[in-house]
N, C-alpha and C. Protein backbone atom coordinates (compact mmCIF):
# COMPACT_ATOMS: atom_id res chain seq x y z
N MET A 1 -36.97 -43.86 -28.91
CA MET A 1 -37.59 -42.98 -27.96
C MET A 1 -36.55 -42.36 -27.02
N ILE A 2 -35.72 -43.18 -26.50
CA ILE A 2 -34.67 -42.71 -25.59
C ILE A 2 -33.68 -41.82 -26.35
N SER A 3 -33.36 -42.19 -27.57
CA SER A 3 -32.40 -41.40 -28.35
C SER A 3 -32.95 -40.00 -28.63
N LYS A 4 -34.25 -39.87 -28.90
CA LYS A 4 -34.85 -38.55 -29.11
C LYS A 4 -34.77 -37.72 -27.84
N PHE A 5 -35.05 -38.36 -26.74
CA PHE A 5 -35.00 -37.67 -25.44
C PHE A 5 -33.58 -37.18 -25.16
N LEU A 6 -32.58 -38.03 -25.40
CA LEU A 6 -31.19 -37.65 -25.16
C LEU A 6 -30.74 -36.53 -26.10
N SER A 7 -31.16 -36.59 -27.34
CA SER A 7 -30.77 -35.53 -28.27
C SER A 7 -31.39 -34.19 -27.87
N LYS A 8 -32.65 -34.20 -27.43
CA LYS A 8 -33.28 -32.96 -26.96
C LYS A 8 -32.60 -32.44 -25.70
N LEU A 9 -32.24 -33.36 -24.83
CA LEU A 9 -31.56 -32.98 -23.59
C LEU A 9 -30.19 -32.36 -23.89
N LYS A 10 -29.45 -32.97 -24.81
CA LYS A 10 -28.15 -32.42 -25.20
C LYS A 10 -28.30 -31.04 -25.80
N SER A 11 -29.27 -30.86 -26.68
CA SER A 11 -29.44 -29.55 -27.31
C SER A 11 -29.80 -28.49 -26.28
N ILE A 12 -30.62 -28.85 -25.33
CA ILE A 12 -31.01 -27.90 -24.29
C ILE A 12 -29.81 -27.56 -23.41
N LEU A 13 -29.06 -28.57 -23.01
CA LEU A 13 -27.91 -28.33 -22.15
C LEU A 13 -26.83 -27.52 -22.84
N PHE A 14 -26.50 -27.86 -24.08
CA PHE A 14 -25.44 -27.16 -24.77
C PHE A 14 -25.83 -25.74 -25.15
N LYS A 15 -27.08 -25.50 -25.49
CA LYS A 15 -27.52 -24.15 -25.81
C LYS A 15 -27.46 -23.25 -24.59
N SER A 16 -27.92 -23.74 -23.46
CA SER A 16 -27.92 -22.91 -22.25
C SER A 16 -26.50 -22.69 -21.75
N ALA A 17 -25.64 -23.69 -21.90
CA ALA A 17 -24.25 -23.55 -21.45
C ALA A 17 -23.52 -22.52 -22.29
N VAL A 18 -23.73 -22.51 -23.59
CA VAL A 18 -23.05 -21.57 -24.47
C VAL A 18 -23.52 -20.15 -24.21
N THR A 19 -24.80 -19.95 -24.05
CA THR A 19 -25.31 -18.60 -23.85
C THR A 19 -24.90 -18.05 -22.48
N SER A 20 -24.80 -18.88 -21.47
CA SER A 20 -24.43 -18.37 -20.16
C SER A 20 -22.92 -18.13 -20.06
N GLU A 21 -22.10 -18.85 -20.80
CA GLU A 21 -20.66 -18.67 -20.73
C GLU A 21 -20.18 -17.44 -21.49
N THR A 22 -20.78 -17.15 -22.58
CA THR A 22 -20.32 -16.06 -23.42
C THR A 22 -20.34 -14.71 -22.70
N PRO A 23 -21.39 -14.31 -22.02
CA PRO A 23 -21.35 -13.03 -21.31
C PRO A 23 -20.33 -13.03 -20.18
N LEU A 24 -20.14 -14.14 -19.51
CA LEU A 24 -19.18 -14.19 -18.43
C LEU A 24 -17.76 -13.97 -18.94
N LYS A 25 -17.44 -14.57 -20.06
CA LYS A 25 -16.10 -14.38 -20.61
C LYS A 25 -15.86 -12.93 -20.98
N LYS A 26 -16.85 -12.27 -21.54
CA LYS A 26 -16.69 -10.87 -21.91
C LYS A 26 -16.50 -10.01 -20.67
N GLU A 27 -17.22 -10.30 -19.60
CA GLU A 27 -17.07 -9.52 -18.37
C GLU A 27 -15.69 -9.73 -17.77
N LYS A 28 -15.21 -10.95 -17.80
CA LYS A 28 -13.88 -11.22 -17.23
C LYS A 28 -12.81 -10.47 -18.00
N LYS A 29 -12.90 -10.44 -19.33
CA LYS A 29 -11.91 -9.74 -20.13
C LYS A 29 -11.91 -8.26 -19.79
N GLY A 30 -13.06 -7.67 -19.64
CA GLY A 30 -13.15 -6.27 -19.29
C GLY A 30 -12.56 -6.00 -17.92
N ALA A 31 -12.82 -6.90 -16.99
CA ALA A 31 -12.29 -6.74 -15.64
C ALA A 31 -10.77 -6.89 -15.65
N LYS A 32 -10.24 -7.79 -16.45
CA LYS A 32 -8.79 -7.97 -16.50
C LYS A 32 -8.10 -6.75 -17.06
N SER A 33 -8.63 -6.16 -18.10
CA SER A 33 -7.98 -5.00 -18.69
C SER A 33 -7.99 -3.82 -17.71
N ALA A 34 -9.04 -3.68 -16.95
CA ALA A 34 -9.09 -2.61 -15.95
C ALA A 34 -8.07 -2.86 -14.85
N LYS A 35 -7.93 -4.11 -14.44
CA LYS A 35 -6.95 -4.44 -13.42
C LYS A 35 -5.54 -4.22 -13.93
N THR A 36 -5.27 -4.59 -15.17
CA THR A 36 -3.95 -4.43 -15.74
C THR A 36 -3.55 -2.96 -15.79
N LYS A 37 -4.47 -2.10 -16.19
CA LYS A 37 -4.18 -0.68 -16.23
C LYS A 37 -3.86 -0.15 -14.84
N THR A 38 -4.60 -0.58 -13.84
CA THR A 38 -4.37 -0.15 -12.47
C THR A 38 -3.02 -0.62 -11.97
N LYS A 39 -2.68 -1.88 -12.26
CA LYS A 39 -1.40 -2.41 -11.81
C LYS A 39 -0.25 -1.67 -12.45
N THR A 40 -0.34 -1.34 -13.72
CA THR A 40 0.73 -0.63 -14.41
C THR A 40 0.95 0.73 -13.78
N LYS A 41 -0.11 1.46 -13.50
CA LYS A 41 0.02 2.76 -12.88
C LYS A 41 0.63 2.63 -11.49
N THR A 42 0.22 1.62 -10.74
CA THR A 42 0.74 1.43 -9.40
C THR A 42 2.23 1.11 -9.44
N LYS A 43 2.64 0.27 -10.37
CA LYS A 43 4.05 -0.09 -10.47
C LYS A 43 4.89 1.13 -10.82
N THR A 44 4.41 1.97 -11.71
CA THR A 44 5.15 3.16 -12.10
C THR A 44 5.29 4.10 -10.91
N LYS A 45 4.22 4.29 -10.16
CA LYS A 45 4.28 5.15 -8.99
C LYS A 45 5.23 4.57 -7.95
N THR A 46 5.19 3.26 -7.76
CA THR A 46 6.06 2.61 -6.78
C THR A 46 7.52 2.77 -7.17
N LYS A 47 7.84 2.60 -8.45
CA LYS A 47 9.22 2.76 -8.90
C LYS A 47 9.70 4.18 -8.68
N ALA A 48 8.85 5.17 -8.95
CA ALA A 48 9.22 6.56 -8.77
C ALA A 48 9.47 6.86 -7.30
N VAL A 49 8.63 6.33 -6.43
CA VAL A 49 8.79 6.54 -4.99
C VAL A 49 10.06 5.86 -4.51
N ASN A 50 10.31 4.63 -4.97
CA ASN A 50 11.52 3.92 -4.56
C ASN A 50 12.78 4.63 -5.03
N SER A 51 12.79 5.16 -6.24
CA SER A 51 13.98 5.85 -6.74
C SER A 51 14.23 7.12 -5.93
N LYS A 52 13.17 7.83 -5.57
CA LYS A 52 13.35 9.04 -4.76
C LYS A 52 13.91 8.69 -3.38
N LYS A 53 13.41 7.61 -2.80
CA LYS A 53 13.90 7.19 -1.49
C LYS A 53 15.36 6.78 -1.57
N ASN A 54 15.72 6.05 -2.62
CA ASN A 54 17.11 5.61 -2.78
C ASN A 54 18.04 6.80 -2.99
N ILE A 55 17.60 7.79 -3.76
CA ILE A 55 18.43 8.98 -3.97
C ILE A 55 18.60 9.74 -2.66
N GLU A 56 17.52 9.85 -1.89
CA GLU A 56 17.62 10.53 -0.59
C GLU A 56 18.56 9.77 0.34
N THR A 57 18.55 8.46 0.27
CA THR A 57 19.45 7.65 1.10
C THR A 57 20.89 7.89 0.71
N LEU A 58 21.16 8.04 -0.58
CA LEU A 58 22.53 8.28 -1.04
C LEU A 58 23.06 9.63 -0.55
N THR A 59 22.16 10.58 -0.31
CA THR A 59 22.62 11.89 0.17
C THR A 59 23.11 11.84 1.62
N THR A 60 22.88 10.73 2.31
CA THR A 60 23.38 10.61 3.67
C THR A 60 24.89 10.35 3.70
N LEU A 61 25.45 9.97 2.57
CA LEU A 61 26.90 9.78 2.50
C LEU A 61 27.60 11.12 2.57
N PRO A 62 28.76 11.18 3.24
CA PRO A 62 29.46 12.47 3.35
C PRO A 62 29.94 12.97 1.99
N GLY A 63 29.64 14.23 1.69
CA GLY A 63 30.07 14.85 0.44
C GLY A 63 29.13 14.60 -0.73
N VAL A 64 28.09 13.84 -0.53
CA VAL A 64 27.16 13.53 -1.63
C VAL A 64 25.93 14.42 -1.48
N GLY A 65 25.72 15.27 -2.47
CA GLY A 65 24.54 16.13 -2.48
C GLY A 65 23.47 15.53 -3.38
N ALA A 66 22.46 16.32 -3.63
CA ALA A 66 21.33 15.84 -4.43
C ALA A 66 21.74 15.51 -5.86
N LYS A 67 22.56 16.37 -6.47
CA LYS A 67 22.96 16.14 -7.86
C LYS A 67 23.85 14.90 -7.99
N SER A 68 24.84 14.79 -7.10
CA SER A 68 25.73 13.61 -7.20
C SER A 68 24.99 12.34 -6.83
N ALA A 69 24.03 12.42 -5.91
CA ALA A 69 23.25 11.24 -5.54
C ALA A 69 22.42 10.77 -6.74
N LYS A 70 21.83 11.71 -7.46
CA LYS A 70 21.04 11.35 -8.64
C LYS A 70 21.94 10.75 -9.71
N ALA A 71 23.12 11.33 -9.90
CA ALA A 71 24.06 10.80 -10.90
C ALA A 71 24.52 9.39 -10.53
N LEU A 72 24.80 9.17 -9.25
CA LEU A 72 25.21 7.84 -8.80
C LEU A 72 24.09 6.83 -8.99
N TYR A 73 22.86 7.24 -8.67
CA TYR A 73 21.71 6.35 -8.82
C TYR A 73 21.50 5.97 -10.28
N GLU A 74 21.60 6.96 -11.16
CA GLU A 74 21.40 6.70 -12.59
C GLU A 74 22.54 5.87 -13.17
N ALA A 75 23.71 5.91 -12.53
CA ALA A 75 24.85 5.11 -12.99
C ALA A 75 24.76 3.67 -12.51
N GLY A 76 23.79 3.38 -11.65
CA GLY A 76 23.60 1.99 -11.21
C GLY A 76 23.94 1.73 -9.75
N PHE A 77 24.38 2.74 -9.05
CA PHE A 77 24.67 2.58 -7.62
C PHE A 77 23.40 2.93 -6.85
N LYS A 78 22.62 1.88 -6.52
CA LYS A 78 21.29 2.09 -5.93
C LYS A 78 21.32 2.23 -4.41
N THR A 79 22.36 1.71 -3.76
CA THR A 79 22.42 1.75 -2.29
C THR A 79 23.74 2.37 -1.83
N THR A 80 23.76 2.75 -0.56
CA THR A 80 25.00 3.31 -0.02
C THR A 80 26.09 2.24 0.03
N LYS A 81 25.71 1.01 0.29
CA LYS A 81 26.70 -0.08 0.32
C LYS A 81 27.34 -0.27 -1.05
N ALA A 82 26.55 -0.12 -2.10
CA ALA A 82 27.08 -0.27 -3.46
C ALA A 82 28.07 0.84 -3.77
N VAL A 83 27.81 2.04 -3.30
CA VAL A 83 28.71 3.17 -3.54
C VAL A 83 30.01 2.97 -2.77
N ILE A 84 29.90 2.56 -1.53
CA ILE A 84 31.10 2.37 -0.70
C ILE A 84 31.96 1.23 -1.23
N ALA A 85 31.32 0.17 -1.72
CA ALA A 85 32.06 -1.00 -2.20
C ALA A 85 32.58 -0.83 -3.62
N ALA A 86 32.16 0.22 -4.31
CA ALA A 86 32.54 0.40 -5.71
C ALA A 86 34.02 0.75 -5.86
N ASP A 87 34.55 0.41 -7.01
CA ASP A 87 35.93 0.73 -7.34
C ASP A 87 36.05 2.22 -7.64
N GLU A 88 37.24 2.79 -7.36
CA GLU A 88 37.44 4.22 -7.58
C GLU A 88 37.23 4.61 -9.04
N LYS A 89 37.67 3.77 -9.95
CA LYS A 89 37.53 4.07 -11.37
C LYS A 89 36.06 4.13 -11.78
N ASP A 90 35.26 3.24 -11.22
CA ASP A 90 33.83 3.23 -11.54
C ASP A 90 33.15 4.49 -11.03
N LEU A 91 33.54 4.94 -9.85
CA LEU A 91 32.94 6.14 -9.29
C LEU A 91 33.36 7.38 -10.07
N LEU A 92 34.61 7.43 -10.48
CA LEU A 92 35.09 8.58 -11.24
C LEU A 92 34.46 8.66 -12.63
N ALA A 93 33.98 7.55 -13.13
CA ALA A 93 33.33 7.52 -14.44
C ALA A 93 31.97 8.19 -14.40
N VAL A 94 31.39 8.36 -13.23
CA VAL A 94 30.09 9.00 -13.08
C VAL A 94 30.28 10.51 -13.18
N SER A 95 29.48 11.16 -14.04
CA SER A 95 29.60 12.61 -14.16
C SER A 95 29.11 13.27 -12.88
N GLY A 96 29.84 14.26 -12.43
CA GLY A 96 29.47 14.96 -11.20
C GLY A 96 30.16 14.40 -9.96
N VAL A 97 30.95 13.35 -10.14
CA VAL A 97 31.70 12.77 -9.02
C VAL A 97 33.18 13.02 -9.30
N GLY A 98 33.82 13.71 -8.35
CA GLY A 98 35.23 14.05 -8.52
C GLY A 98 36.11 13.25 -7.58
N ILE A 99 37.39 13.52 -7.68
CA ILE A 99 38.38 12.79 -6.89
C ILE A 99 38.21 13.04 -5.40
N ASN A 100 37.85 14.26 -5.02
CA ASN A 100 37.67 14.57 -3.59
C ASN A 100 36.51 13.77 -2.99
N LEU A 101 35.43 13.65 -3.73
CA LEU A 101 34.29 12.86 -3.26
C LEU A 101 34.68 11.39 -3.14
N VAL A 102 35.42 10.89 -4.09
CA VAL A 102 35.85 9.49 -4.05
C VAL A 102 36.73 9.25 -2.83
N LYS A 103 37.61 10.19 -2.51
CA LYS A 103 38.46 10.06 -1.33
C LYS A 103 37.63 10.01 -0.05
N LYS A 104 36.61 10.86 0.04
CA LYS A 104 35.73 10.86 1.21
C LYS A 104 34.98 9.53 1.35
N LEU A 105 34.54 9.00 0.23
CA LEU A 105 33.80 7.73 0.26
C LEU A 105 34.72 6.56 0.59
N LYS A 106 35.95 6.61 0.17
CA LYS A 106 36.87 5.50 0.44
C LYS A 106 37.31 5.49 1.91
N LYS A 107 37.21 6.62 2.60
CA LYS A 107 37.51 6.66 4.04
C LYS A 107 36.47 5.87 4.82
N LEU A 108 35.28 5.66 4.26
CA LEU A 108 34.21 4.93 4.94
C LEU A 108 34.44 3.43 4.96
N LYS A 109 35.31 2.91 4.12
CA LYS A 109 35.54 1.46 4.06
C LYS A 109 36.10 0.91 5.32
């Protein structure tokens, strides 16, 4: 008698648990994919904004215009400190940076 009662109770509990969990899992997956798409777009926008700000910051150096600032940024010099601390050979390797600009930057040390 007790065993029949327990088996019916188990079947009722497990059936209701399975049916209630399945829709929740599907909703969570849908919510995660929407969040992931939003985060990816936000990260891309943030990176673009940060790169523009860094390039604008590089233009504050004497003799560095928009084109040379972009070239320096793309070469890996993300901050003004990195440009000032860089070796002359490394700076000359960047296209758009000449010897006169390197001399101006080395005076800042």
